[in-house]
Amino acid sequence: MKNFISVKDIPNFKKALEVAFDVKKSPHAYSHLGKNKTLVLIFFNSSLRTRLSTQKAAMNLGMNTMVLNVNEDGWQLESELGVVMDGDKPEHMREAIPVIGSYCDIIGIRSFAKFQDKEDDYQEKILNQFIEYAGVPIVSMEGATRHPLQSFADLLTIEELKSKPKPKVVLTWAPHPRALPQAVANSFVEWMKETDYELVVTHPEGYELAPEFMGDVKVEYDQKKAFEGADFIYAKNWASYISYGQILSKDFSWTVDAEKMALTNNAKFMHCLPVRRNVVVSDEVIDSPNSVVVQQAHNREVTAQAALKMILESK
């Protein structure tokens, strides 16, 4: 595997899951793979689980790790080509990226959607510049449109907990005070489409995801109807794609609560974290035995290690 940007980068979907299960069973069995190898993690945006889980995954593989918080630890970076650099950004990514690549064997990048220009965000300009100029494999730690490390962990969690071969999995929009990117939702749908699960997406009208991710996935605008018989409920907010980056609703009737969970088939509750309690989900649900958000977060380490292992083995 050359890069890990989306599910499309995985040569064999079934094999990738087997690698993840193997890594979870024996996390230190492959520490020889990363000996004398270095992973640089570059954060254009804040992080808790992604930073710690990816560092730990690299350490389990015997890798050295370095972390750079852009605009805090280094120069502000210009990403646009053809600009006259007479403003507040003294260094261009065209030089910075190959320099960083010369110091390491793999680079991890976290760069969110800016919600200034839909076309720019969906072209993944920052991520693609790293792919073009770094000279080493790139791992997306969440881009403008996808979050593959999260989705891989989501898949592993469902595989561990499902009680039947084809569970009903529901991705539900939930309210939030801020406009959040579509990356987690896009990526979750993309990964679930590679399975034989029954996937249903539910959200208010106006929150339709990009057609390139949704395809023919079923959309149910009645949240309670969507929840009926579900085995997994994945709650996540995202801002509008059509009215790009806008908050069209803060309707608290979409909060996941015990009454809605009672409509399910004793479903497990999932969320990528951090989560706004009593906005996205009620305390009663997230504190219940059916909440698997911590297991889901732990699996971030497992799947990050699986992705890094597959890249190291292909170098």
C-alpha atoms as a PDB file:
ATOM      1  CA  MET A   1       0.000   0.000   0.000  1.00  0.00           C
ATOM      2  CA  LYS A   2       1.584   3.256  -1.164  1.00  0.00           C
ATOM      3  CA  ASN A   3      -0.605   5.834   0.637  1.00  0.00           C
ATOM      4  CA  PHE A   4      -3.612   5.674   2.962  1.00  0.00           C
ATOM      5  CA  ILE A   5      -6.037   8.390   1.902  1.00  0.00           C
ATOM      6  CA  SER A   6      -9.256   6.443   1.390  1.00  0.00           C
ATOM      7  CA  VAL A   7     -10.640   2.911   1.346  1.00  0.00           C
ATOM      8  CA  LYS A   8      -9.663   2.798  -2.333  1.00  0.00           C
ATOM      9  CA  ASP A   9      -5.990   2.648  -1.311  1.00  0.00           C
ATOM     10  CA  ILE A  10      -6.441  -0.728   0.363  1.00  0.00           C
ATOM     11  CA  PRO A  11      -5.473  -3.500  -2.077  1.00  0.00           C
ATOM     12  CA  ASN A  12      -7.591  -6.130  -0.317  1.00  0.00           C
ATOM     13  CA  PHE A  13     -10.459  -5.078   1.971  1.00  0.00           C
ATOM     14  CA  LYS A  14     -10.821  -8.468   3.665  1.00  0.00           C
ATOM     15  CA  LYS A  15      -7.075  -8.771   4.164  1.00  0.00           C
ATOM     16  CA  ALA A  16      -6.933  -5.310   5.764  1.00  0.00           C
ATOM     17  CA  LEU A  17      -9.461  -6.416   8.372  1.00  0.00           C
ATOM     18  CA  GLU A  18      -7.418  -9.549   9.042  1.00  0.00           C
ATOM     19  CA  VAL A  19      -4.341  -7.352   9.571  1.00  0.00           C
ATOM     20  CA  ALA A  20      -6.264  -5.182  12.034  1.00  0.00           C
ATOM     21  CA  PHE A  21      -7.481  -8.176  14.039  1.00  0.00           C
ATOM     22  CA  ASP A  22      -3.963  -9.605  14.073  1.00  0.00           C
ATOM     23  CA  VAL A  23      -2.493  -6.293  15.253  1.00  0.00           C
ATOM     24  CA  LYS A  24      -5.073  -6.012  18.007  1.00  0.00           C
ATOM     25  CA  LYS A  25      -4.257  -9.516  19.209  1.00  0.00           C
ATOM     26  CA  SER A  26      -0.467  -8.969  19.139  1.00  0.00           C
ATOM     27  CA  PRO A  27       0.310  -5.230  19.034  1.00  0.00           C
ATOM     28  CA  HIS A  28       4.062  -5.639  19.577  1.00  0.00           C
ATOM     29  CA  ALA A  29       4.664  -8.581  17.266  1.00  0.00           C
ATOM     30  CA  TYR A  30       5.843  -6.388  14.386  1.00  0.00           C
ATOM     31  CA  SER A  31       8.110  -3.915  16.181  1.00  0.00           C
ATOM     32  CA  HIS A  32      10.946  -4.874  13.837  1.00  0.00           C
ATOM     33  CA  LEU A  33       9.150  -3.308  10.855  1.00  0.00           C
ATOM     34  CA  GLY A  34       9.661   0.260  12.062  1.00  0.00           C
ATOM     35  CA  LYS A  35      13.212  -0.045  13.332  1.00  0.00           C
ATOM     36  CA  ASN A  36      15.215   3.019  12.237  1.00  0.00           C
ATOM     37  CA  LYS A  37      12.095   4.401  10.511  1.00  0.00           C
ATOM     38  CA  THR A  38      10.548   7.789  11.290  1.00  0.00           C
ATOM     39  CA  LEU A  39       6.948   8.980  11.102  1.00  0.00           C
ATOM     40  CA  VAL A  40       6.257  12.722  10.986  1.00  0.00           C
ATOM     41  CA  LEU A  41       2.760  13.808  12.027  1.00  0.00           C
ATOM     42  CA  ILE A  42       1.707  17.223  10.740  1.00  0.00           C
ATOM     43  CA  PHE A  43      -1.334  18.929  12.227  1.00  0.00           C
ATOM     44  CA  PHE A  44      -2.992  21.885  10.573  1.00  0.00           C
ATOM     45  CA  ASN A  45      -5.884  21.311  13.028  1.00  0.00           C
ATOM     46  CA  SER A  46      -6.288  20.197  16.626  1.00  0.00           C
ATOM     47  CA  SER A  47      -6.408  16.572  17.687  1.00  0.00           C
ATOM     48  CA  LEU A  48      -6.589  14.254  20.684  1.00  0.00           C
ATOM     49  CA  ARG A  49      -7.377  10.659  19.615  1.00  0.00           C
ATOM     50  CA  THR A  50      -5.762  10.945  16.192  1.00  0.00           C
ATOM     51  CA  ARG A  51      -2.509  12.349  17.564  1.00  0.00           C
ATOM     52  CA  LEU A  52      -2.137   9.901  20.441  1.00  0.00           C
ATOM     53  CA  SER A  53      -3.417   6.806  18.653  1.00  0.00           C
ATOM     54  CA  THR A  54      -1.212   7.321  15.593  1.00  0.00           C
ATOM     55  CA  GLN A  55       1.871   8.019  17.712  1.00  0.00           C
ATOM     56  CA  LYS A  56       1.181   4.909  19.806  1.00  0.00           C
ATOM     57  CA  ALA A  57       0.605   2.830  16.686  1.00  0.00           C
ATOM     58  CA  ALA A  58       3.973   3.928  15.300  1.00  0.00           C
ATOM     59  CA  MET A  59       5.689   3.201  18.607  1.00  0.00           C
ATOM     60  CA  ASN A  60       4.189  -0.314  18.631  1.00  0.00           C
ATOM     61  CA  LEU A  61       5.862  -0.844  15.261  1.00  0.00           C
ATOM     62  CA  GLY A  62       9.212   0.414  16.554  1.00  0.00           C
ATOM     63  CA  MET A  63       9.092   3.739  14.695  1.00  0.00           C
ATOM     64  CA  ASN A  64      10.425   7.090  15.804  1.00  0.00           C
ATOM     65  CA  THR A  65       7.811   9.853  15.724  1.00  0.00           C
ATOM     66  CA  MET A  66       7.988  13.616  15.311  1.00  0.00           C
ATOM     67  CA  VAL A  67       5.036  15.998  15.582  1.00  0.00           C
ATOM     68  CA  LEU A  68       4.663  19.403  13.938  1.00  0.00           C
ATOM     69  CA  ASN A  69       1.777  21.757  14.708  1.00  0.00           C
ATOM     70  CA  VAL A  70       1.651  24.034  11.688  1.00  0.00           C
ATOM     71  CA  ASN A  71       1.389  27.766  12.512  1.00  0.00           C
ATOM     72  CA  GLU A  72       2.400  27.040  16.112  1.00  0.00           C
ATOM     73  CA  ASP A  73       5.704  25.157  15.927  1.00  0.00           C
ATOM     74  CA  GLY A  74       6.906  26.368  12.534  1.00  0.00           C
ATOM     75  CA  TRP A  75       6.441  29.025   9.881  1.00  0.00           C
ATOM     76  CA  GLN A  76       3.002  29.741   8.508  1.00  0.00           C
ATOM     77  CA  LEU A  77       2.776  27.946   5.183  1.00  0.00           C
ATOM     78  CA  GLU A  78       1.440  29.230   1.878  1.00  0.00           C
ATOM     79  CA  SER A  79      -0.405  26.567  -0.127  1.00  0.00           C
ATOM     80  CA  GLU A  80      -1.479  28.436  -3.263  1.00  0.00           C
ATOM     81  CA  LEU A  81       0.774  28.506  -6.317  1.00  0.00           C
ATOM     82  CA  GLY A  82       1.416  31.715  -8.230  1.00  0.00           C
ATOM     83  CA  VAL A  83       0.857  34.016  -5.261  1.00  0.00           C
ATOM     84  CA  VAL A  84       3.063  36.992  -4.415  1.00  0.00           C
ATOM     85  CA  MET A  85       4.274  36.076  -0.941  1.00  0.00           C
ATOM     86  CA  ASP A  86       4.376  39.546   0.593  1.00  0.00           C
ATOM     87  CA  GLY A  87       1.941  38.740   3.414  1.00  0.00           C
ATOM     88  CA  ASP A  88       2.134  36.835   6.712  1.00  0.00           C
ATOM     89  CA  LYS A  89       3.258  33.468   5.257  1.00  0.00           C
ATOM     90  CA  PRO A  90       7.021  33.342   4.826  1.00  0.00           C
ATOM     91  CA  GLU A  91       7.346  29.737   3.565  1.00  0.00           C
ATOM     92  CA  HIS A  92       5.667  27.857   0.735  1.00  0.00           C
ATOM     93  CA  MET A  93       4.558  24.253   0.980  1.00  0.00           C
ATOM     94  CA  ARG A  94       6.353  23.571  -2.315  1.00  0.00           C
ATOM     95  CA  GLU A  95       9.666  23.809  -0.425  1.00  0.00           C
ATOM     96  CA  ALA A  96       8.510  22.751   3.033  1.00  0.00           C
ATOM     97  CA  ILE A  97       6.968  19.443   1.946  1.00  0.00           C
ATOM     98  CA  PRO A  98      10.031  17.877   0.264  1.00  0.00           C
ATOM     99  CA  VAL A  99      12.184  19.065   3.156  1.00  0.00           C
ATOM    100  CA  ILE A 100       9.896  17.304   5.640  1.00  0.00           C
ATOM    101  CA  GLY A 101       9.885  14.237   3.398  1.00  0.00           C
ATOM    102  CA  SER A 102      13.670  14.124   3.491  1.00  0.00           C
ATOM    103  CA  TYR A 103      13.579  13.740   7.281  1.00  0.00           C
ATOM    104  CA  CYS A 104      11.229  10.752   7.471  1.00  0.00           C
ATOM    105  CA  ASP A 105       9.804   7.574   5.937  1.00  0.00           C
ATOM    106  CA  ILE A 106       6.061   8.264   6.271  1.00  0.00           C
ATOM    107  CA  ILE A 107       4.087  11.491   6.775  1.00  0.00           C
ATOM    108  CA  GLY A 108       0.700  11.777   8.442  1.00  0.00           C
ATOM    109  CA  ILE A 109      -1.398  14.866   7.583  1.00  0.00           C
ATOM    110  CA  ARG A 110      -4.424  16.366   9.330  1.00  0.00           C
ATOM    111  CA  SER A 111      -6.039  19.245   7.436  1.00  0.00           C
ATOM    112  CA  PHE A 112      -9.753  20.013   7.742  1.00  0.00           C
ATOM    113  CA  ALA A 113     -12.145  21.603   5.299  1.00  0.00           C
ATOM    114  CA  LYS A 114     -11.983  25.394   5.523  1.00  0.00           C
ATOM    115  CA  PHE A 115     -15.571  25.976   4.299  1.00  0.00           C
ATOM    116  CA  GLN A 116     -14.371  28.907   2.186  1.00  0.00           C
ATOM    117  CA  ASP A 117     -14.621  27.188  -1.195  1.00  0.00           C
ATOM    118  CA  LYS A 118     -16.311  23.822  -1.758  1.00  0.00           C
ATOM    119  CA  GLU A 119     -14.306  23.096  -4.903  1.00  0.00           C
ATOM    120  CA  ASP A 120     -11.000  23.767  -3.122  1.00  0.00           C
ATOM    121  CA  ASP A 121     -11.948  21.579  -0.171  1.00  0.00           C
ATOM    122  CA  TYR A 122     -13.169  18.695  -2.315  1.00  0.00           C
ATOM    123  CA  GLN A 123     -10.004  18.819  -4.418  1.00  0.00           C
ATOM    124  CA  GLU A 124      -8.008  18.132  -1.208  1.00  0.00           C
ATOM    125  CA  LYS A 125      -5.362  20.636  -2.253  1.00  0.00           C
ATOM    126  CA  ILE A 126      -3.155  20.376   0.853  1.00  0.00           C
ATOM    127  CA  LEU A 127      -3.263  16.591   1.030  1.00  0.00           C
ATOM    128  CA  ASN A 128      -2.545  16.231  -2.671  1.00  0.00           C
ATOM    129  CA  GLN A 129       0.423  18.603  -2.498  1.00  0.00           C
ATOM    130  CA  PHE A 130       1.963  16.327   0.122  1.00  0.00           C
ATOM    131  CA  ILE A 131       1.327  13.302  -2.091  1.00  0.00           C
ATOM    132  CA  GLU A 132       2.944  15.078  -5.046  1.00  0.00           C
ATOM    133  CA  TYR A 133       5.983  16.640  -3.377  1.00  0.00           C
ATOM    134  CA  ALA A 134       6.889  14.593  -0.272  1.00  0.00           C
ATOM    135  CA  GLY A 135       8.541  11.604  -1.921  1.00  0.00           C
ATOM    136  CA  VAL A 136       7.352   9.323   0.901  1.00  0.00           C
ATOM    137  CA  PRO A 137       4.010   7.601   1.680  1.00  0.00           C
ATOM    138  CA  ILE A 138       1.210   9.791   3.041  1.00  0.00           C
ATOM    139  CA  VAL A 139      -1.397   8.845   5.640  1.00  0.00           C
ATOM    140  CA  SER A 140      -4.485  11.031   5.970  1.00  0.00           C
ATOM    141  CA  MET A 141      -5.282  11.753   9.605  1.00  0.00           C
ATOM    142  CA  GLU A 142      -8.433  13.525   8.344  1.00  0.00           C
ATOM    143  CA  GLY A 143      -8.650  15.573   5.220  1.00  0.00           C
ATOM    144  CA  ALA A 144     -11.273  17.984   3.965  1.00  0.00           C
ATOM    145  CA  THR A 145     -13.468  15.191   2.633  1.00  0.00           C
ATOM    146  CA  ARG A 146     -12.472  11.924   4.324  1.00  0.00           C
ATOM    147  CA  HIS A 147     -11.253  10.476   7.628  1.00  0.00           C
ATOM    148  CA  PRO A 148     -10.013   6.983   6.683  1.00  0.00           C
ATOM    149  CA  LEU A 149      -8.350   6.136  10.004  1.00  0.00           C
ATOM    150  CA  GLN A 150     -11.644   6.798  11.803  1.00  0.00           C
ATOM    151  CA  SER A 151     -13.677   4.794   9.290  1.00  0.00           C
ATOM    152  CA  PHE A 152     -11.298   1.828   9.484  1.00  0.00           C
ATOM    153  CA  ALA A 153     -11.730   1.856  13.266  1.00  0.00           C
ATOM    154  CA  ASP A 154     -15.505   2.134  12.873  1.00  0.00           C
ATOM    155  CA  LEU A 155     -15.514  -0.899  10.606  1.00  0.00           C
ATOM    156  CA  LEU A 156     -13.366  -2.917  13.012  1.00  0.00           C
ATOM    157  CA  THR A 157     -15.685  -2.017  15.900  1.00  0.00           C
ATOM    158  CA  ILE A 158     -18.773  -3.190  14.018  1.00  0.00           C
ATOM    159  CA  GLU A 159     -17.035  -6.387  12.947  1.00  0.00           C
ATOM    160  CA  GLU A 160     -16.118  -7.124  16.567  1.00  0.00           C
ATOM    161  CA  LEU A 161     -19.626  -6.500  17.894  1.00  0.00           C
ATOM    162  CA  LYS A 162     -22.066  -7.549  15.177  1.00  0.00           C
ATOM    163  CA  SER A 163     -24.371 -10.421  16.108  1.00  0.00           C
ATOM    164  CA  LYS A 164     -25.426 -11.283  12.548  1.00  0.00           C
ATOM    165  CA  PRO A 165     -23.655 -11.276   9.182  1.00  0.00           C
ATOM    166  CA  LYS A 166     -25.585  -8.320   7.763  1.00  0.00           C
ATOM    167  CA  PRO A 167     -26.349  -5.803  10.519  1.00  0.00           C
ATOM    168  CA  LYS A 168     -28.447  -2.700   9.945  1.00  0.00           C
ATOM    169  CA  VAL A 169     -26.168   0.308  10.400  1.00  0.00           C
ATOM    170  CA  VAL A 170     -27.660   3.795  10.654  1.00  0.00           C
ATOM    171  CA  LEU A 171     -25.673   7.003  10.218  1.00  0.00           C
ATOM    172  CA  THR A 172     -27.733   9.788  11.790  1.00  0.00           C
ATOM    173  CA  TRP A 173     -27.155  13.517  11.593  1.00  0.00           C
ATOM    174  CA  ALA A 174     -27.322  15.239  14.990  1.00  0.00           C
ATOM    175  CA  PRO A 175     -27.410  18.906  16.021  1.00  0.00           C
ATOM    176  CA  HIS A 176     -24.282  20.879  16.888  1.00  0.00           C
ATOM    177  CA  PRO A 177     -23.560  24.552  17.674  1.00  0.00           C
ATOM    178  CA  ARG A 178     -20.780  24.741  15.070  1.00  0.00           C
ATOM    179  CA  ALA A 179     -20.527  23.909  11.387  1.00  0.00           C
ATOM    180  CA  LEU A 180     -18.561  20.656  11.116  1.00  0.00           C
ATOM    181  CA  PRO A 181     -17.010  19.125   7.979  1.00  0.00           C
ATOM    182  CA  GLN A 182     -18.554  16.215   6.092  1.00  0.00           C
ATOM    183  CA  ALA A 183     -15.318  14.189   6.270  1.00  0.00           C
ATOM    184  CA  VAL A 184     -16.337  11.623   8.904  1.00  0.00           C
ATOM    185  CA  ALA A 185     -19.771  11.085   7.382  1.00  0.00           C
ATOM    186  CA  ASN A 186     -18.428  10.870   3.821  1.00  0.00           C
ATOM    187  CA  SER A 187     -15.754   8.415   4.822  1.00  0.00           C
ATOM    188  CA  PHE A 188     -18.072   6.260   6.938  1.00  0.00           C
ATOM    189  CA  VAL A 189     -20.491   5.894   4.019  1.00  0.00           C
ATOM    190  CA  GLU A 190     -17.615   5.106   1.645  1.00  0.00           C
ATOM    191  CA  TRP A 191     -16.299   2.333   3.894  1.00  0.00           C
ATOM    192  CA  MET A 192     -19.717   0.878   4.690  1.00  0.00           C
ATOM    193  CA  LYS A 193     -20.441   0.581   0.965  1.00  0.00           C
ATOM    194  CA  GLU A 194     -17.550  -1.892   0.766  1.00  0.00           C
ATOM    195  CA  THR A 195     -19.400  -4.218   3.163  1.00  0.00           C
ATOM    196  CA  ASP A 196     -22.632  -6.154   2.789  1.00  0.00           C
ATOM    197  CA  TYR A 197     -24.242  -4.318   5.741  1.00  0.00           C
ATOM    198  CA  GLU A 198     -27.628  -2.657   5.406  1.00  0.00           C
ATOM    199  CA  LEU A 199     -26.687   1.034   5.516  1.00  0.00           C
ATOM    200  CA  VAL A 200     -29.249   3.786   6.090  1.00  0.00           C
ATOM    201  CA  VAL A 201     -28.418   7.497   6.333  1.00  0.00           C
ATOM    202  CA  THR A 202     -30.866   9.825   8.065  1.00  0.00           C
ATOM    203  CA  HIS A 203     -30.758  13.625   8.244  1.00  0.00           C
ATOM    204  CA  PRO A 204     -32.965  16.696   7.806  1.00  0.00           C
ATOM    205  CA  GLU A 205     -33.578  17.849   4.263  1.00  0.00           C
ATOM    206  CA  GLY A 206     -30.729  20.058   3.056  1.00  0.00           C
ATOM    207  CA  TYR A 207     -28.038  17.906   4.674  1.00  0.00           C
ATOM    208  CA  GLU A 208     -27.557  15.512   1.761  1.00  0.00           C
ATOM    209  CA  LEU A 209     -23.951  14.361   1.416  1.00  0.00           C
ATOM    210  CA  ALA A 210     -21.964  14.667  -1.814  1.00  0.00           C
ATOM    211  CA  PRO A 211     -23.318  12.357  -4.537  1.00  0.00           C
ATOM    212  CA  GLU A 212     -19.838  10.936  -5.122  1.00  0.00           C
ATOM    213  CA  PHE A 213     -19.968   9.416  -1.640  1.00  0.00           C
ATOM    214  CA  MET A 214     -23.657   8.569  -1.335  1.00  0.00           C
ATOM    215  CA  GLY A 215     -24.297   6.906  -4.675  1.00  0.00           C
ATOM    216  CA  ASP A 216     -27.449   4.831  -4.238  1.00  0.00           C
ATOM    217  CA  VAL A 217     -27.301   4.620  -0.431  1.00  0.00           C
ATOM    218  CA  LYS A 218     -30.772   4.888   1.112  1.00  0.00           C
ATOM    219  CA  VAL A 219     -31.681   8.209   2.738  1.00  0.00           C
ATOM    220  CA  GLU A 220     -34.508   8.204   5.275  1.00  0.00           C
ATOM    221  CA  TYR A 221     -35.609  11.680   6.342  1.00  0.00           C
ATOM    222  CA  ASP A 222     -37.699  10.299   9.230  1.00  0.00           C
ATOM    223  CA  GLN A 223     -35.109   9.631  11.952  1.00  0.00           C
ATOM    224  CA  LYS A 224     -37.378   7.432  14.056  1.00  0.00           C
ATOM    225  CA  LYS A 225     -38.271   5.280  11.065  1.00  0.00           C
ATOM    226  CA  ALA A 226     -34.567   4.930  10.240  1.00  0.00           C
ATOM    227  CA  PHE A 227     -33.839   3.726  13.776  1.00  0.00           C
ATOM    228  CA  GLU A 228     -36.375   0.890  13.637  1.00  0.00           C
ATOM    229  CA  GLY A 229     -34.598  -2.466  13.911  1.00  0.00           C
ATOM    230  CA  ALA A 230     -31.111  -0.945  13.711  1.00  0.00           C
ATOM    231  CA  ASP A 231     -28.152  -2.852  15.147  1.00  0.00           C
ATOM    232  CA  PHE A 232     -25.743   0.116  15.192  1.00  0.00           C
ATOM    233  CA  ILE A 233     -26.479   3.836  15.500  1.00  0.00           C
ATOM    234  CA  TYR A 234     -23.650   6.170  14.463  1.00  0.00           C
ATOM    235  CA  ALA A 235     -24.380   9.798  15.382  1.00  0.00           C
ATOM    236  CA  LYS A 236     -22.491  12.625  13.709  1.00  0.00           C
ATOM    237  CA  ASN A 237     -23.075  16.246  12.824  1.00  0.00           C
ATOM    238  CA  TRP A 238     -22.057  17.715   9.479  1.00  0.00           C
ATOM    239  CA  ALA A 239     -22.701  21.074   7.874  1.00  0.00           C
ATOM    240  CA  SER A 240     -24.636  21.340   4.647  1.00  0.00           C
ATOM    241  CA  TYR A 241     -22.913  20.243   1.439  1.00  0.00           C
ATOM    242  CA  ILE A 242     -25.487  21.867  -0.839  1.00  0.00           C
ATOM    243  CA  SER A 243     -25.450  25.193   1.044  1.00  0.00           C
ATOM    244  CA  TYR A 244     -21.794  24.606   1.651  1.00  0.00           C
ATOM    245  CA  GLY A 245     -20.594  24.920   5.236  1.00  0.00           C
ATOM    246  CA  GLN A 246     -23.844  26.386   6.513  1.00  0.00           C
ATOM    247  CA  ILE A 247     -25.848  25.406   9.574  1.00  0.00           C
ATOM    248  CA  LEU A 248     -29.405  24.915   8.332  1.00  0.00           C
ATOM    249  CA  SER A 249     -30.751  23.443  11.554  1.00  0.00           C
ATOM    250  CA  LYS A 250     -30.035  23.133  15.273  1.00  0.00           C
ATOM    251  CA  ASP A 251     -33.156  21.052  15.837  1.00  0.00           C
ATOM    252  CA  PHE A 252     -32.711  19.242  19.151  1.00  0.00           C
ATOM    253  CA  SER A 253     -35.406  16.764  18.161  1.00  0.00           C
ATOM    254  CA  TRP A 254     -32.586  15.035  16.258  1.00  0.00           C
ATOM    255  CA  THR A 255     -30.585  14.419  19.465  1.00  0.00           C
ATOM    256  CA  VAL A 256     -30.106  10.685  20.004  1.00  0.00           C
ATOM    257  CA  ASP A 257     -31.973   9.796  23.190  1.00  0.00           C
ATOM    258  CA  ALA A 258     -33.233   6.696  24.985  1.00  0.00           C
ATOM    259  CA  GLU A 259     -36.669   6.922  23.404  1.00  0.00           C
ATOM    260  CA  LYS A 260     -35.174   6.648  19.916  1.00  0.00           C
ATOM    261  CA  MET A 261     -32.717   3.929  20.906  1.00  0.00           C
ATOM    262  CA  ALA A 262     -35.689   1.899  22.173  1.00  0.00           C
ATOM    263  CA  LEU A 263     -36.847   1.645  18.555  1.00  0.00           C
ATOM    264  CA  THR A 264     -33.698  -0.245  17.591  1.00  0.00           C
ATOM    265  CA  ASN A 265     -32.667  -3.878  17.888  1.00  0.00           C
ATOM    266  CA  ASN A 266     -30.818  -3.134  21.133  1.00  0.00           C
ATOM    267  CA  ALA A 267     -28.383  -1.160  18.999  1.00  0.00           C
ATOM    268  CA  LYS A 268     -24.850  -0.180  19.909  1.00  0.00           C
ATOM    269  CA  PHE A 269     -24.257   3.576  20.002  1.00  0.00           C
ATOM    270  CA  MET A 270     -21.228   4.913  18.120  1.00  0.00           C
ATOM    271  CA  HIS A 271     -19.615   8.336  17.792  1.00  0.00           C
ATOM    272  CA  CYS A 272     -16.120   9.395  16.678  1.00  0.00           C
ATOM    273  CA  LEU A 273     -15.616  11.789  19.658  1.00  0.00           C
ATOM    274  CA  PRO A 274     -15.376  14.448  20.924  1.00  0.00           C
ATOM    275  CA  VAL A 275     -19.130  14.573  21.480  1.00  0.00           C
ATOM    276  CA  ARG A 276     -21.403  17.321  22.782  1.00  0.00           C
ATOM    277  CA  ARG A 277     -23.449  15.637  25.509  1.00  0.00           C
ATOM    278  CA  ASN A 278     -27.156  16.427  25.533  1.00  0.00           C
ATOM    279  CA  VAL A 279     -26.784  18.047  22.122  1.00  0.00           C
ATOM    280  CA  VAL A 280     -25.661  15.171  19.886  1.00  0.00           C
ATOM    281  CA  VAL A 281     -26.583  12.430  22.359  1.00  0.00           C
ATOM    282  CA  SER A 282     -28.182  12.270  25.783  1.00  0.00           C
ATOM    283  CA  ASP A 283     -26.204  11.264  28.883  1.00  0.00           C
ATOM    284  CA  GLU A 284     -28.500   8.286  29.281  1.00  0.00           C
ATOM    285  CA  VAL A 285     -27.473   6.871  25.904  1.00  0.00           C
ATOM    286  CA  ILE A 286     -23.749   7.596  25.904  1.00  0.00           C
ATOM    287  CA  ASP A 287     -23.373   6.306  29.471  1.00  0.00           C
ATOM    288  CA  SER A 288     -25.371   3.146  28.767  1.00  0.00           C
ATOM    289  CA  PRO A 289     -23.857  -0.347  28.403  1.00  0.00           C
ATOM    290  CA  ASN A 290     -24.661  -0.154  24.686  1.00  0.00           C
ATOM    291  CA  SER A 291     -22.360   2.825  24.154  1.00  0.00           C
ATOM    292  CA  VAL A 292     -19.164   1.625  22.461  1.00  0.00           C
ATOM    293  CA  VAL A 293     -17.478   4.989  21.916  1.00  0.00           C
ATOM    294  CA  VAL A 294     -14.436   4.116  24.058  1.00  0.00           C
ATOM    295  CA  GLN A 295     -13.891   0.792  22.305  1.00  0.00           C
ATOM    296  CA  GLN A 296     -14.286   2.635  19.016  1.00  0.00           C
ATOM    297  CA  ALA A 297     -11.648   5.176  20.087  1.00  0.00           C
ATOM    298  CA  HIS A 298      -9.249   2.445  21.220  1.00  0.00           C
ATOM    299  CA  ASN A 299      -9.574   0.845  17.797  1.00  0.00           C
ATOM    300  CA  ARG A 300      -8.104   4.033  16.320  1.00  0.00           C
ATOM    301  CA  GLU A 301      -4.717   2.828  17.571  1.00  0.00           C
ATOM    302  CA  VAL A 302      -5.286  -0.623  16.106  1.00  0.00           C
ATOM    303  CA  THR A 303      -6.279   0.497  12.641  1.00  0.00           C
ATOM    304  CA  ALA A 304      -3.591   3.190  12.485  1.00  0.00           C
ATOM    305  CA  GLN A 305      -1.067   0.473  13.243  1.00  0.00           C
ATOM    306  CA  ALA A 306      -2.607  -1.796  10.615  1.00  0.00           C
ATOM    307  CA  ALA A 307      -2.361   0.969   7.997  1.00  0.00           C
ATOM    308  CA  LEU A 308       1.243   1.798   8.903  1.00  0.00           C
ATOM    309  CA  LYS A 309       2.143  -1.898   8.881  1.00  0.00           C
ATOM    310  CA  MET A 310       0.743  -2.357   5.386  1.00  0.00           C
ATOM    311  CA  ILE A 311       2.722   0.656   4.153  1.00  0.00           C
ATOM    312  CA  LEU A 312       5.971  -0.457   5.799  1.00  0.00           C
ATOM    313  CA  GLU A 313       5.628  -3.966   4.386  1.00  0.00           C
ATOM    314  CA  SER A 314       5.195  -2.583   0.862  1.00  0.00           C
ATOM    315  CA  LYS A 315       8.214  -0.232   0.979  1.00  0.00           C
END
